[in-house]
Amino acid sequence: MASASQKKNAALVAKYADMFSAMGTEARLRIMQLLLSAHPNGLVVGDIQAELDIPNSTLSHHLDKLKSEDLVLVRRESTFLRYTANTEALQGVLQFLYAECCTRNKALNPQDIVQICN
């Protein structure tokens, strides 16, 4: 019988797997990059579309998928929708990976991760 800790870990793995899957297309990863570069203000749909040259219906599908996995947040501004990267969710994903690779088994040196980000 699985312990509460094992069940919690399994739920987290499933959650983060779904998040990675949502970012697993070139278009969605480009959207996430763009929204992170526009943080904290985010961008309205038209600006995302203009920057990435993605057809409106396709962009809507991608944004919906990212939103459903809690990777982006959306708010209405008059007739526009403004999207921002959900940095709290992304922080959770990174902490999950960091715990496995840099603390528990020391597969990577934490300073190397920081260097990659600079």
N, C-alpha and C. Protein backbone atom coordinates (compact mmCIF):
# COMPACT_ATOMS: atom_id res chain seq x y z
N MET A 1 0.83 -1.17 0.00
CA MET A 1 0.00 0.00 0.00
C MET A 1 0.88 1.25 0.00
N ALA A 2 0.57 2.21 -0.86
CA ALA A 2 1.36 3.42 -1.01
C ALA A 2 1.14 4.35 0.19
N SER A 3 2.24 4.93 0.63
CA SER A 3 2.15 5.88 1.74
C SER A 3 1.60 7.21 1.23
N ALA A 4 1.21 8.08 2.16
CA ALA A 4 0.70 9.40 1.79
C ALA A 4 1.76 10.18 1.03
N SER A 5 3.01 10.03 1.42
CA SER A 5 4.11 10.72 0.75
C SER A 5 4.28 10.24 -0.69
N GLN A 6 4.17 8.93 -0.89
CA GLN A 6 4.29 8.36 -2.23
C GLN A 6 3.13 8.82 -3.12
N LYS A 7 1.93 8.87 -2.55
CA LYS A 7 0.77 9.33 -3.31
C LYS A 7 0.92 10.80 -3.70
N LYS A 8 1.41 11.61 -2.76
CA LYS A 8 1.62 13.03 -3.04
C LYS A 8 2.66 13.20 -4.14
N ASN A 9 3.75 12.43 -4.06
CA ASN A 9 4.80 12.51 -5.08
C ASN A 9 4.25 12.08 -6.44
N ALA A 10 3.46 11.03 -6.46
CA ALA A 10 2.87 10.56 -7.72
C ALA A 10 1.96 11.63 -8.32
N ALA A 11 1.20 12.31 -7.49
CA ALA A 11 0.32 13.37 -7.97
C ALA A 11 1.13 14.53 -8.53
N LEU A 12 2.24 14.87 -7.87
CA LEU A 12 3.10 15.95 -8.36
C LEU A 12 3.74 15.56 -9.69
N VAL A 13 4.21 14.34 -9.79
CA VAL A 13 4.82 13.87 -11.04
C VAL A 13 3.80 13.97 -12.17
N ALA A 14 2.57 13.54 -11.93
CA ALA A 14 1.53 13.62 -12.95
C ALA A 14 1.24 15.06 -13.33
N LYS A 15 1.15 15.93 -12.34
CA LYS A 15 0.89 17.35 -12.59
C LYS A 15 1.99 17.96 -13.45
N TYR A 16 3.25 17.73 -13.06
CA TYR A 16 4.36 18.32 -13.80
C TYR A 16 4.52 17.68 -15.17
N ALA A 17 4.20 16.42 -15.30
CA ALA A 17 4.24 15.77 -16.62
C ALA A 17 3.23 16.44 -17.56
N ASP A 18 2.04 16.75 -17.04
CA ASP A 18 1.05 17.45 -17.86
C ASP A 18 1.52 18.84 -18.24
N MET A 19 2.21 19.51 -17.31
CA MET A 19 2.74 20.85 -17.62
C MET A 19 3.81 20.77 -18.71
N PHE A 20 4.72 19.80 -18.57
CA PHE A 20 5.75 19.64 -19.60
C PHE A 20 5.13 19.28 -20.94
N SER A 21 4.11 18.45 -20.92
CA SER A 21 3.42 18.08 -22.14
C SER A 21 2.80 19.30 -22.80
N ALA A 22 2.22 20.17 -21.99
CA ALA A 22 1.60 21.38 -22.52
C ALA A 22 2.63 22.29 -23.18
N MET A 23 3.84 22.29 -22.67
CA MET A 23 4.91 23.11 -23.26
C MET A 23 5.68 22.35 -24.33
N GLY A 24 5.24 21.15 -24.64
CA GLY A 24 6.00 20.26 -25.50
C GLY A 24 5.87 20.48 -26.99
N THR A 25 5.36 21.62 -27.40
CA THR A 25 5.37 21.95 -28.82
C THR A 25 6.18 23.22 -29.00
N GLU A 26 6.74 23.38 -30.18
CA GLU A 26 7.56 24.56 -30.45
C GLU A 26 6.75 25.84 -30.23
N ALA A 27 5.54 25.87 -30.73
CA ALA A 27 4.72 27.09 -30.62
C ALA A 27 4.45 27.44 -29.16
N ARG A 28 4.11 26.47 -28.35
CA ARG A 28 3.80 26.75 -26.94
C ARG A 28 5.04 27.15 -26.16
N LEU A 29 6.15 26.53 -26.48
CA LEU A 29 7.39 26.93 -25.82
C LEU A 29 7.78 28.35 -26.21
N ARG A 30 7.57 28.72 -27.46
CA ARG A 30 7.83 30.09 -27.90
C ARG A 30 6.89 31.07 -27.20
N ILE A 31 5.63 30.68 -27.02
CA ILE A 31 4.68 31.53 -26.29
C ILE A 31 5.17 31.74 -24.87
N MET A 32 5.60 30.67 -24.21
CA MET A 32 6.09 30.79 -22.83
C MET A 32 7.31 31.70 -22.78
N GLN A 33 8.23 31.54 -23.71
CA GLN A 33 9.41 32.41 -23.76
C GLN A 33 9.01 33.87 -23.92
N LEU A 34 8.10 34.11 -24.82
CA LEU A 34 7.65 35.48 -25.08
C LEU A 34 6.98 36.07 -23.84
N LEU A 35 6.10 35.30 -23.20
CA LEU A 35 5.41 35.81 -22.02
C LEU A 35 6.38 36.03 -20.86
N LEU A 36 7.38 35.19 -20.74
CA LEU A 36 8.39 35.41 -19.69
C LEU A 36 9.21 36.67 -19.99
N SER A 37 9.50 36.91 -21.26
CA SER A 37 10.24 38.13 -21.60
C SER A 37 9.41 39.38 -21.37
N ALA A 38 8.09 39.25 -21.36
CA ALA A 38 7.19 40.38 -21.15
C ALA A 38 6.72 40.48 -19.69
N HIS A 39 7.29 39.68 -18.83
CA HIS A 39 6.89 39.65 -17.42
C HIS A 39 7.28 40.95 -16.74
N PRO A 40 6.49 41.53 -15.90
CA PRO A 40 5.26 41.02 -15.31
C PRO A 40 3.99 41.47 -16.04
N ASN A 41 4.12 42.34 -17.03
CA ASN A 41 2.94 42.91 -17.68
C ASN A 41 2.22 41.94 -18.60
N GLY A 42 2.93 41.01 -19.19
CA GLY A 42 2.32 40.10 -20.14
C GLY A 42 2.00 40.79 -21.45
N LEU A 43 1.23 40.12 -22.27
CA LEU A 43 0.89 40.63 -23.59
C LEU A 43 -0.56 40.32 -23.92
N VAL A 44 -1.16 41.18 -24.73
CA VAL A 44 -2.49 40.88 -25.24
C VAL A 44 -2.33 39.93 -26.43
N VAL A 45 -3.40 39.24 -26.74
CA VAL A 45 -3.36 38.20 -27.77
C VAL A 45 -2.83 38.73 -29.10
N GLY A 46 -3.28 39.90 -29.48
CA GLY A 46 -2.84 40.47 -30.76
C GLY A 46 -1.34 40.67 -30.82
N ASP A 47 -0.73 41.06 -29.70
CA ASP A 47 0.72 41.25 -29.66
C ASP A 47 1.45 39.91 -29.73
N ILE A 48 0.90 38.89 -29.08
CA ILE A 48 1.49 37.56 -29.15
C ILE A 48 1.43 37.06 -30.60
N GLN A 49 0.28 37.24 -31.21
CA GLN A 49 0.08 36.80 -32.59
C GLN A 49 1.03 37.51 -33.53
N ALA A 50 1.16 38.82 -33.38
CA ALA A 50 2.05 39.59 -34.25
C ALA A 50 3.51 39.17 -34.08
N GLU A 51 3.90 38.93 -32.84
CA GLU A 51 5.30 38.57 -32.56
C GLU A 51 5.65 37.18 -33.09
N LEU A 52 4.73 36.23 -32.94
CA LEU A 52 5.03 34.84 -33.29
C LEU A 52 4.46 34.40 -34.63
N ASP A 53 3.62 35.23 -35.23
CA ASP A 53 3.01 34.92 -36.53
C ASP A 53 2.29 33.56 -36.51
N ILE A 54 1.44 33.39 -35.51
CA ILE A 54 0.63 32.19 -35.37
C ILE A 54 -0.81 32.57 -35.69
N PRO A 55 -1.50 31.83 -36.55
CA PRO A 55 -2.90 32.15 -36.85
C PRO A 55 -3.75 32.22 -35.58
N ASN A 56 -4.73 33.11 -35.57
CA ASN A 56 -5.52 33.38 -34.38
C ASN A 56 -6.16 32.12 -33.78
N SER A 57 -6.77 31.30 -34.61
CA SER A 57 -7.44 30.10 -34.09
C SER A 57 -6.43 29.13 -33.48
N THR A 58 -5.26 29.00 -34.10
CA THR A 58 -4.22 28.13 -33.58
C THR A 58 -3.66 28.69 -32.28
N LEU A 59 -3.43 30.00 -32.24
CA LEU A 59 -2.92 30.65 -31.04
C LEU A 59 -3.89 30.46 -29.88
N SER A 60 -5.17 30.60 -30.16
CA SER A 60 -6.19 30.43 -29.13
C SER A 60 -6.11 29.02 -28.54
N HIS A 61 -5.95 28.03 -29.39
CA HIS A 61 -5.83 26.64 -28.94
C HIS A 61 -4.61 26.48 -28.04
N HIS A 62 -3.47 27.02 -28.46
CA HIS A 62 -2.24 26.91 -27.67
C HIS A 62 -2.39 27.60 -26.32
N LEU A 63 -2.94 28.80 -26.32
CA LEU A 63 -3.12 29.54 -25.08
C LEU A 63 -4.07 28.82 -24.13
N ASP A 64 -5.13 28.23 -24.69
CA ASP A 64 -6.07 27.46 -23.86
C ASP A 64 -5.38 26.27 -23.20
N LYS A 65 -4.53 25.59 -23.95
CA LYS A 65 -3.81 24.44 -23.39
C LYS A 65 -2.87 24.89 -22.27
N LEU A 66 -2.13 25.97 -22.49
CA LEU A 66 -1.24 26.47 -21.46
C LEU A 66 -2.02 26.94 -20.23
N LYS A 67 -3.16 27.56 -20.47
CA LYS A 67 -4.00 28.02 -19.37
C LYS A 67 -4.57 26.83 -18.59
N SER A 68 -4.99 25.79 -19.29
CA SER A 68 -5.58 24.64 -18.61
C SER A 68 -4.57 23.93 -17.70
N GLU A 69 -3.30 24.07 -18.00
CA GLU A 69 -2.26 23.46 -17.15
C GLU A 69 -1.69 24.48 -16.17
N ASP A 70 -2.32 25.65 -16.08
CA ASP A 70 -1.95 26.69 -15.11
C ASP A 70 -0.59 27.31 -15.39
N LEU A 71 -0.13 27.24 -16.63
CA LEU A 71 1.16 27.82 -16.98
C LEU A 71 1.05 29.29 -17.34
N VAL A 72 -0.14 29.71 -17.76
CA VAL A 72 -0.38 31.12 -18.05
C VAL A 72 -1.63 31.58 -17.31
N LEU A 73 -1.64 32.85 -17.02
CA LEU A 73 -2.80 33.48 -16.40
C LEU A 73 -3.38 34.46 -17.41
N VAL A 74 -4.69 34.65 -17.36
CA VAL A 74 -5.34 35.55 -18.31
C VAL A 74 -6.28 36.47 -17.56
N ARG A 75 -6.32 37.70 -18.01
CA ARG A 75 -7.28 38.64 -17.45
C ARG A 75 -7.83 39.48 -18.60
N ARG A 76 -9.09 39.85 -18.45
CA ARG A 76 -9.77 40.65 -19.46
C ARG A 76 -9.50 42.11 -19.19
N GLU A 77 -9.14 42.82 -20.24
CA GLU A 77 -8.97 44.27 -20.20
C GLU A 77 -9.84 44.85 -21.31
N SER A 78 -11.00 45.30 -20.94
CA SER A 78 -11.96 45.81 -21.93
C SER A 78 -12.29 44.69 -22.91
N THR A 79 -11.91 44.85 -24.17
CA THR A 79 -12.21 43.82 -25.17
C THR A 79 -11.00 42.91 -25.43
N PHE A 80 -9.92 43.11 -24.69
CA PHE A 80 -8.70 42.34 -24.91
C PHE A 80 -8.48 41.33 -23.80
N LEU A 81 -7.76 40.27 -24.14
CA LEU A 81 -7.31 39.30 -23.15
C LEU A 81 -5.80 39.46 -22.99
N ARG A 82 -5.35 39.66 -21.76
CA ARG A 82 -3.92 39.81 -21.48
C ARG A 82 -3.43 38.53 -20.81
N TYR A 83 -2.39 37.96 -21.39
CA TYR A 83 -1.80 36.73 -20.86
C TYR A 83 -0.47 37.03 -20.20
N THR A 84 -0.23 36.38 -19.08
CA THR A 84 1.06 36.46 -18.39
C THR A 84 1.50 35.05 -18.03
N ALA A 85 2.81 34.88 -17.97
CA ALA A 85 3.35 33.59 -17.52
C ALA A 85 3.05 33.43 -16.04
N ASN A 86 2.61 32.26 -15.65
CA ASN A 86 2.37 31.96 -14.24
C ASN A 86 3.70 31.54 -13.63
N THR A 87 4.42 32.53 -13.11
CA THR A 87 5.76 32.27 -12.59
C THR A 87 5.74 31.37 -11.36
N GLU A 88 4.66 31.39 -10.61
CA GLU A 88 4.57 30.50 -9.44
C GLU A 88 4.53 29.04 -9.89
N ALA A 89 3.77 28.76 -10.94
CA ALA A 89 3.69 27.39 -11.46
C ALA A 89 5.04 26.96 -12.03
N LEU A 90 5.69 27.86 -12.76
CA LEU A 90 6.99 27.53 -13.32
C LEU A 90 8.03 27.33 -12.22
N GLN A 91 7.93 28.11 -11.16
CA GLN A 91 8.84 27.94 -10.04
C GLN A 91 8.65 26.55 -9.42
N GLY A 92 7.41 26.09 -9.34
CA GLY A 92 7.14 24.75 -8.82
C GLY A 92 7.78 23.67 -9.66
N VAL A 93 7.69 23.80 -10.98
CA VAL A 93 8.31 22.83 -11.90
C VAL A 93 9.82 22.83 -11.70
N LEU A 94 10.40 24.01 -11.65
CA LEU A 94 11.85 24.10 -11.50
C LEU A 94 12.31 23.56 -10.15
N GLN A 95 11.56 23.84 -9.09
CA GLN A 95 11.91 23.32 -7.77
C GLN A 95 11.83 21.80 -7.74
N PHE A 96 10.83 21.26 -8.42
CA PHE A 96 10.67 19.81 -8.51
C PHE A 96 11.91 19.19 -9.16
N LEU A 97 12.32 19.75 -10.29
CA LEU A 97 13.50 19.22 -10.98
C LEU A 97 14.76 19.45 -10.16
N TYR A 98 14.87 20.63 -9.58
CA TYR A 98 16.05 20.98 -8.79
C TYR A 98 16.22 20.02 -7.61
N ALA A 99 15.14 19.69 -6.96
CA ALA A 99 15.21 18.78 -5.81
C ALA A 99 15.80 17.44 -6.22
N GLU A 100 15.45 16.98 -7.41
CA GLU A 100 15.95 15.68 -7.86
C GLU A 100 17.39 15.76 -8.35
N CYS A 101 17.72 16.80 -9.11
CA CYS A 101 19.02 16.81 -9.77
C CYS A 101 20.12 17.47 -8.96
N CYS A 102 19.78 18.35 -8.06
CA CYS A 102 20.82 19.17 -7.43
C CYS A 102 20.93 19.03 -5.93
N THR A 103 19.96 18.40 -5.30
CA THR A 103 20.04 18.27 -3.85
C THR A 103 20.10 16.81 -3.43
N ARG A 104 19.17 16.02 -3.91
CA ARG A 104 19.07 14.65 -3.44
C ARG A 104 20.24 13.79 -3.91
N ASN A 105 20.51 13.80 -5.22
CA ASN A 105 21.57 12.92 -5.70
C ASN A 105 22.74 13.66 -6.33
N LYS A 106 22.71 14.97 -6.32
CA LYS A 106 23.81 15.80 -6.80
C LYS A 106 24.21 15.49 -8.25
N ALA A 107 23.24 15.18 -9.08
CA ALA A 107 23.51 14.89 -10.49
C ALA A 107 24.09 16.11 -11.20
N LEU A 108 23.65 17.29 -10.77
CA LEU A 108 24.16 18.54 -11.34
C LEU A 108 24.62 19.45 -10.22
N ASN A 109 25.60 20.27 -10.54
CA ASN A 109 26.08 21.27 -9.59
C ASN A 109 25.14 22.48 -9.67
N PRO A 110 24.57 22.92 -8.55
CA PRO A 110 23.64 24.06 -8.58
C PRO A 110 24.22 25.29 -9.27
N GLN A 111 25.53 25.53 -9.12
CA GLN A 111 26.14 26.69 -9.77
C GLN A 111 26.08 26.58 -11.29
N ASP A 112 26.13 25.37 -11.83
CA ASP A 112 26.02 25.18 -13.28
C ASP A 112 24.64 25.58 -13.78
N ILE A 113 23.60 25.33 -12.99
CA ILE A 113 22.24 25.72 -13.36
C ILE A 113 22.15 27.24 -13.42
N VAL A 114 22.69 27.90 -12.43
CA VAL A 114 22.63 29.35 -12.38
C VAL A 114 23.41 29.93 -13.56
N GLN A 115 24.54 29.35 -13.91
CA GLN A 115 25.32 29.82 -15.05
C GLN A 115 24.54 29.72 -16.34
N ILE A 116 23.77 28.66 -16.51
CA ILE A 116 22.95 28.48 -17.70
C ILE A 116 21.95 29.61 -17.82
N CYS A 117 21.41 30.04 -16.69
CA CYS A 117 20.38 31.07 -16.69
C CYS A 117 20.93 32.47 -16.90
N ASN A 118 22.20 32.68 -16.68
CA ASN A 118 22.77 34.03 -16.83
C ASN A 118 23.08 34.37 -18.25
